[in-house]
Structure formats: C-alpha cells, structure tokens
Amino acid sequence: MSLRAIGRLLGIFLALCAAGALVFAGIDEAIAMRHSKWPVATAMVRASEVEEWKGFAKDGNVPSYRVEAKAVFLADRHIVNARISSGSVLKSRRETMDAWVDAHPIGSLIKVRYNPARPSDAELADPSPLPRSYHPADDLRLAGVFVLASIALLIVSRRPSPS
C-alpha cells in the first residue's frame, strides 16, 4: 500500500471522527437544552469530596478527578437526597476542584437544577468553575480539529509526487 493511499485512508478516518464528534456535540447540546428547563432549588451540602475517576478505562494510566457532592433539597414539598457530580478534569486542574470543595463545607447552600420527573437526578445550577459532564463546545472544537486534519491529509495525498 502506498503512502498516498495510507494518507487517503487516514483522511477518511479523520472525517468520520469529525462526523462522530458532531453527533456527540448535538447530543450534548440537546442534554444542555433539556437541563436548562429544569427547576432550580437551594440545596444543603451533606458531604463533598474530590474523587479520582477512571471513566471508561479499567486500568487508566491518566487519572482524572471530579467533585462528588451529596445534597438535600425540597422539590414539590418532598425532601430529596441527591448525589451531584461535576464533569471530570485532569490532575492539572484538581486544585480548582479542591477549592470548590473547601468553599462548600457541610451545611453550606448551593443552587441545583433537578429533573422534575426524578428529582434525585440533579446537577449544579451554576457549576462554574467546575465542568459539566456534557460539553458541546469541546465536541465542536474536536470536530474542527478532525476536519482540518482530514482536509490536510486528503489534499496532501492527492498531490502528484515530484519526479
């Protein structure tokens, strides 16, 4: 197989990766829009910690971290206990998560959004500076990188070789 053919195949593969990233961006945007319509409540923190999270990797060499908080709030006159998780970050941003946990000790109040159909399904109403678990903007940036790399490889693989 020639180097040109390998470049073409890799370009096509990256174009497919871009399409996949666009699909994930659409899914994440749909989630964000649905969650933005959830009601907001004031919750009391019962516990919070930064935990190491391996995501989908069983033996991941690169640990990531996320905030896990337990909170209690009222939703439609019912007491709700919820477990609230942030999105994950790499070790370089762990200090941000530690600072959030330190600023929200047991008994502190936070704003949460909750699913009215299942109130224990809740998230931080304003997660800043913590990341959300869905991130359409990151997916779009990744799709852009894949598209640019794909275009570059497809153009280079079509050029006639110098004689």
C-alpha atoms as a PDB file:
ATOM      1  CA  MET A   1       0.000   0.000   0.000  1.00  0.00           C
ATOM      2  CA  SER A   2       1.443   3.374  -0.995  1.00  0.00           C
ATOM      3  CA  LEU A   3       1.987   6.281   1.339  1.00  0.00           C
ATOM      4  CA  ARG A   4      -0.643   8.231  -0.610  1.00  0.00           C
ATOM      5  CA  ALA A   5      -3.260   5.513  -0.069  1.00  0.00           C
ATOM      6  CA  ILE A   6      -2.482   5.434   3.641  1.00  0.00           C
ATOM      7  CA  GLY A   7      -2.865   9.227   3.756  1.00  0.00           C
ATOM      8  CA  ARG A   8      -6.229   8.993   1.987  1.00  0.00           C
ATOM      9  CA  LEU A   9      -7.461   6.290   4.367  1.00  0.00           C
ATOM     10  CA  LEU A  10      -6.330   8.272   7.382  1.00  0.00           C
ATOM     11  CA  GLY A  11      -8.034  11.389   5.958  1.00  0.00           C
ATOM     12  CA  ILE A  12     -11.291   9.489   5.509  1.00  0.00           C
ATOM     13  CA  PHE A  13     -10.986   8.047   9.017  1.00  0.00           C
ATOM     14  CA  LEU A  14     -10.494  11.539  10.477  1.00  0.00           C
ATOM     15  CA  ALA A  15     -13.523  12.785   8.515  1.00  0.00           C
ATOM     16  CA  LEU A  16     -15.575  10.002  10.129  1.00  0.00           C
ATOM     17  CA  CYS A  17     -14.194  11.001  13.535  1.00  0.00           C
ATOM     18  CA  ALA A  18     -15.317  14.585  12.830  1.00  0.00           C
ATOM     19  CA  ALA A  19     -18.804  13.323  11.995  1.00  0.00           C
ATOM     20  CA  GLY A  20     -18.872  11.369  15.260  1.00  0.00           C
ATOM     21  CA  ALA A  21     -17.769  14.436  17.230  1.00  0.00           C
ATOM     22  CA  LEU A  22     -20.569  16.445  15.598  1.00  0.00           C
ATOM     23  CA  VAL A  23     -23.096  13.775  16.622  1.00  0.00           C
ATOM     24  CA  PHE A  24     -21.827  13.949  20.215  1.00  0.00           C
ATOM     25  CA  ALA A  25     -21.992  17.768  20.111  1.00  0.00           C
ATOM     26  CA  GLY A  26     -25.634  17.515  19.040  1.00  0.00           C
ATOM     27  CA  ILE A  27     -26.426  15.048  21.810  1.00  0.00           C
ATOM     28  CA  ASP A  28     -24.658  17.200  24.416  1.00  0.00           C
ATOM     29  CA  GLU A  29     -26.478  20.329  23.201  1.00  0.00           C
ATOM     30  CA  ALA A  30     -29.834  18.520  23.451  1.00  0.00           C
ATOM     31  CA  ILE A  31     -28.973  17.497  27.018  1.00  0.00           C
ATOM     32  CA  ALA A  32     -27.938  21.065  27.885  1.00  0.00           C
ATOM     33  CA  MET A  33     -31.169  22.480  26.474  1.00  0.00           C
ATOM     34  CA  ARG A  34     -33.300  19.943  28.359  1.00  0.00           C
ATOM     35  CA  HIS A  35     -31.454  20.541  31.640  1.00  0.00           C
ATOM     36  CA  SER A  36     -31.716  24.338  31.290  1.00  0.00           C
ATOM     37  CA  LYS A  37     -35.511  23.937  31.616  1.00  0.00           C
ATOM     38  CA  TRP A  38     -35.275  22.041  34.903  1.00  0.00           C
ATOM     39  CA  PRO A  39     -36.389  23.905  38.040  1.00  0.00           C
ATOM     40  CA  VAL A  40     -33.764  25.381  40.369  1.00  0.00           C
ATOM     41  CA  ALA A  41     -33.710  24.701  44.109  1.00  0.00           C
ATOM     42  CA  THR A  42     -31.461  25.660  47.001  1.00  0.00           C
ATOM     43  CA  ALA A  43     -29.778  22.573  48.421  1.00  0.00           C
ATOM     44  CA  MET A  44     -27.758  21.991  51.567  1.00  0.00           C
ATOM     45  CA  VAL A  45     -24.452  20.167  51.172  1.00  0.00           C
ATOM     46  CA  ARG A  46     -24.292  16.989  53.269  1.00  0.00           C
ATOM     47  CA  ALA A  47     -20.867  15.901  52.020  1.00  0.00           C
ATOM     48  CA  SER A  48     -18.462  16.769  49.229  1.00  0.00           C
ATOM     49  CA  GLU A  49     -15.126  15.442  48.090  1.00  0.00           C
ATOM     50  CA  VAL A  50     -12.813  15.294  45.097  1.00  0.00           C
ATOM     51  CA  GLU A  51     -12.573  11.733  43.898  1.00  0.00           C
ATOM     52  CA  GLU A  52     -10.292  10.069  41.421  1.00  0.00           C
ATOM     53  CA  TRP A  53     -12.315   8.883  38.466  1.00  0.00           C
ATOM     54  CA  LYS A  54     -11.157   6.470  35.804  1.00  0.00           C
ATOM     55  CA  GLY A  55     -14.127   6.977  33.485  1.00  0.00           C
ATOM     56  CA  PHE A  56     -14.411   4.160  30.981  1.00  0.00           C
ATOM     57  CA  ALA A  57     -10.841   2.906  31.409  1.00  0.00           C
ATOM     58  CA  LYS A  58     -10.415  -0.030  33.750  1.00  0.00           C
ATOM     59  CA  ASP A  59      -6.691   0.465  34.258  1.00  0.00           C
ATOM     60  CA  GLY A  60      -6.347   4.059  33.062  1.00  0.00           C
ATOM     61  CA  ASN A  61      -2.849   5.460  33.490  1.00  0.00           C
ATOM     62  CA  VAL A  62      -4.091   9.061  33.418  1.00  0.00           C
ATOM     63  CA  PRO A  63      -6.383   9.652  36.374  1.00  0.00           C
ATOM     64  CA  SER A  64      -9.000  12.356  36.224  1.00  0.00           C
ATOM     65  CA  TYR A  65     -10.870  13.948  39.077  1.00  0.00           C
ATOM     66  CA  ARG A  66     -14.417  15.086  39.734  1.00  0.00           C
ATOM     67  CA  VAL A  67     -16.393  16.553  42.601  1.00  0.00           C
ATOM     68  CA  GLU A  68     -18.929  14.276  44.224  1.00  0.00           C
ATOM     69  CA  ALA A  69     -21.395  16.060  46.490  1.00  0.00           C
ATOM     70  CA  LYS A  70     -24.357  14.808  48.450  1.00  0.00           C
ATOM     71  CA  ALA A  71     -27.069  17.379  48.978  1.00  0.00           C
ATOM     72  CA  VAL A  72     -30.619  17.636  50.285  1.00  0.00           C
ATOM     73  CA  PHE A  73     -33.319  19.989  48.990  1.00  0.00           C
ATOM     74  CA  LEU A  74     -37.086  20.407  48.692  1.00  0.00           C
ATOM     75  CA  ALA A  75     -38.798  19.595  45.394  1.00  0.00           C
ATOM     76  CA  ASP A  76     -42.581  19.862  45.225  1.00  0.00           C
ATOM     77  CA  ARG A  77     -42.842  19.698  49.017  1.00  0.00           C
ATOM     78  CA  HIS A  78     -40.766  16.487  49.166  1.00  0.00           C
ATOM     79  CA  ILE A  79     -37.332  16.132  50.731  1.00  0.00           C
ATOM     80  CA  VAL A  80     -34.884  14.925  48.096  1.00  0.00           C
ATOM     81  CA  ASN A  81     -31.449  13.447  48.676  1.00  0.00           C
ATOM     82  CA  ALA A  82     -29.270  13.773  45.591  1.00  0.00           C
ATOM     83  CA  ARG A  83     -25.774  12.845  44.560  1.00  0.00           C
ATOM     84  CA  ILE A  84     -24.308  15.573  42.361  1.00  0.00           C
ATOM     85  CA  SER A  85     -21.217  15.053  40.224  1.00  0.00           C
ATOM     86  CA  SER A  86     -19.181  17.505  38.212  1.00  0.00           C
ATOM     87  CA  GLY A  87     -17.527  16.659  34.943  1.00  0.00           C
ATOM     88  CA  SER A  88     -14.007  15.287  35.189  1.00  0.00           C
ATOM     89  CA  VAL A  89     -10.688  17.101  34.793  1.00  0.00           C
ATOM     90  CA  LEU A  90      -7.077  16.040  34.612  1.00  0.00           C
ATOM     91  CA  LYS A  91      -4.687  16.355  37.532  1.00  0.00           C
ATOM     92  CA  SER A  92      -3.553  19.819  36.419  1.00  0.00           C
ATOM     93  CA  ARG A  93      -6.975  21.266  37.348  1.00  0.00           C
ATOM     94  CA  ARG A  94      -7.505  19.337  40.566  1.00  0.00           C
ATOM     95  CA  GLU A  95      -6.752  22.448  42.654  1.00  0.00           C
ATOM     96  CA  THR A  96      -9.901  24.077  41.250  1.00  0.00           C
ATOM     97  CA  MET A  97     -11.951  21.140  42.479  1.00  0.00           C
ATOM     98  CA  ASP A  98     -10.262  21.119  45.898  1.00  0.00           C
ATOM     99  CA  ALA A  99     -11.009  24.854  46.208  1.00  0.00           C
ATOM    100  CA  TRP A 100     -14.703  24.260  45.366  1.00  0.00           C
ATOM    101  CA  VAL A 101     -14.973  21.509  47.995  1.00  0.00           C
ATOM    102  CA  ASP A 102     -13.234  23.724  50.588  1.00  0.00           C
ATOM    103  CA  ALA A 103     -15.644  26.582  49.791  1.00  0.00           C
ATOM    104  CA  HIS A 104     -18.694  24.315  50.196  1.00  0.00           C
ATOM    105  CA  PRO A 105     -18.416  22.521  53.564  1.00  0.00           C
ATOM    106  CA  ILE A 106     -21.202  20.507  55.147  1.00  0.00           C
ATOM    107  CA  GLY A 107     -24.203  22.765  55.756  1.00  0.00           C
ATOM    108  CA  SER A 108     -23.403  25.280  53.011  1.00  0.00           C
ATOM    109  CA  LEU A 109     -26.032  26.146  50.427  1.00  0.00           C
ATOM    110  CA  ILE A 110     -25.762  25.576  46.686  1.00  0.00           C
ATOM    111  CA  LYS A 111     -28.157  26.049  43.769  1.00  0.00           C
ATOM    112  CA  VAL A 112     -29.112  22.864  41.913  1.00  0.00           C
ATOM    113  CA  ARG A 113     -31.242  22.050  38.898  1.00  0.00           C
ATOM    114  CA  TYR A 114     -33.306  18.886  39.192  1.00  0.00           C
ATOM    115  CA  ASN A 115     -35.329  16.697  36.902  1.00  0.00           C
ATOM    116  CA  PRO A 116     -38.994  17.206  37.876  1.00  0.00           C
ATOM    117  CA  ALA A 117     -39.813  13.621  36.843  1.00  0.00           C
ATOM    118  CA  ARG A 118     -36.989  12.236  39.006  1.00  0.00           C
ATOM    119  CA  PRO A 119     -35.821  14.930  41.477  1.00  0.00           C
ATOM    120  CA  SER A 120     -32.832  12.935  42.731  1.00  0.00           C
ATOM    121  CA  ASP A 121     -31.387  13.435  39.225  1.00  0.00           C
ATOM    122  CA  ALA A 122     -29.775  16.807  39.919  1.00  0.00           C
ATOM    123  CA  GLU A 123     -26.789  18.900  38.883  1.00  0.00           C
ATOM    124  CA  LEU A 124     -25.234  22.187  39.931  1.00  0.00           C
ATOM    125  CA  ALA A 125     -27.273  25.094  38.555  1.00  0.00           C
ATOM    126  CA  ASP A 126     -24.100  27.142  38.077  1.00  0.00           C
ATOM    127  CA  PRO A 127     -21.165  24.742  38.024  1.00  0.00           C
ATOM    128  CA  SER A 128     -18.550  27.428  37.438  1.00  0.00           C
ATOM    129  CA  PRO A 129     -15.620  26.841  37.858  1.00  0.00           C
ATOM    130  CA  LEU A 130     -16.382  23.119  37.731  1.00  0.00           C
ATOM    131  CA  PRO A 131     -17.012  21.476  34.359  1.00  0.00           C
ATOM    132  CA  ARG A 132     -20.317  19.901  33.417  1.00  0.00           C
ATOM    133  CA  SER A 133     -20.467  16.275  32.352  1.00  0.00           C
ATOM    134  CA  TYR A 134     -21.749  17.342  28.921  1.00  0.00           C
ATOM    135  CA  HIS A 135     -19.731  19.760  26.812  1.00  0.00           C
ATOM    136  CA  PRO A 136     -20.959  20.578  23.299  1.00  0.00           C
ATOM    137  CA  ALA A 137     -18.369  23.333  22.756  1.00  0.00           C
ATOM    138  CA  ASP A 138     -15.494  20.892  23.379  1.00  0.00           C
ATOM    139  CA  ASP A 139     -17.074  18.408  20.974  1.00  0.00           C
ATOM    140  CA  LEU A 140     -17.303  21.111  18.289  1.00  0.00           C
ATOM    141  CA  ARG A 141     -13.642  22.086  18.776  1.00  0.00           C
ATOM    142  CA  LEU A 142     -12.637  18.439  18.453  1.00  0.00           C
ATOM    143  CA  ALA A 143     -14.717  18.091  15.286  1.00  0.00           C
ATOM    144  CA  GLY A 144     -12.944  21.153  13.878  1.00  0.00           C
ATOM    145  CA  VAL A 145      -9.531  19.639  14.566  1.00  0.00           C
ATOM    146  CA  PHE A 146     -10.578  16.399  12.894  1.00  0.00           C
ATOM    147  CA  VAL A 147     -11.955  18.258   9.860  1.00  0.00           C
ATOM    148  CA  LEU A 148      -8.774  20.318   9.415  1.00  0.00           C
ATOM    149  CA  ALA A 149      -6.531  17.268   9.773  1.00  0.00           C
ATOM    150  CA  SER A 150      -8.715  15.311   7.357  1.00  0.00           C
ATOM    151  CA  ILE A 151      -8.666  18.072   4.741  1.00  0.00           C
ATOM    152  CA  ALA A 152      -4.901  18.446   5.035  1.00  0.00           C
ATOM    153  CA  LEU A 153      -4.304  14.713   4.629  1.00  0.00           C
ATOM    154  CA  LEU A 154      -6.709  14.403   1.703  1.00  0.00           C
ATOM    155  CA  ILE A 155      -5.098  17.360  -0.088  1.00  0.00           C
ATOM    156  CA  VAL A 156      -1.572  16.105   0.507  1.00  0.00           C
ATOM    157  CA  SER A 157      -2.487  12.573  -0.593  1.00  0.00           C
ATOM    158  CA  ARG A 158      -3.874  13.886  -3.930  1.00  0.00           C
ATOM    159  CA  ARG A 159      -0.817  15.933  -4.878  1.00  0.00           C
ATOM    160  CA  PRO A 160       1.276  14.440  -7.629  1.00  0.00           C
ATOM    161  CA  SER A 161       4.578  13.154  -6.381  1.00  0.00           C
ATOM    162  CA  PRO A 162       7.626  15.146  -7.554  1.00  0.00           C
ATOM    163  CA  SER A 163       9.552  13.343 -10.288  1.00  0.00           C
END
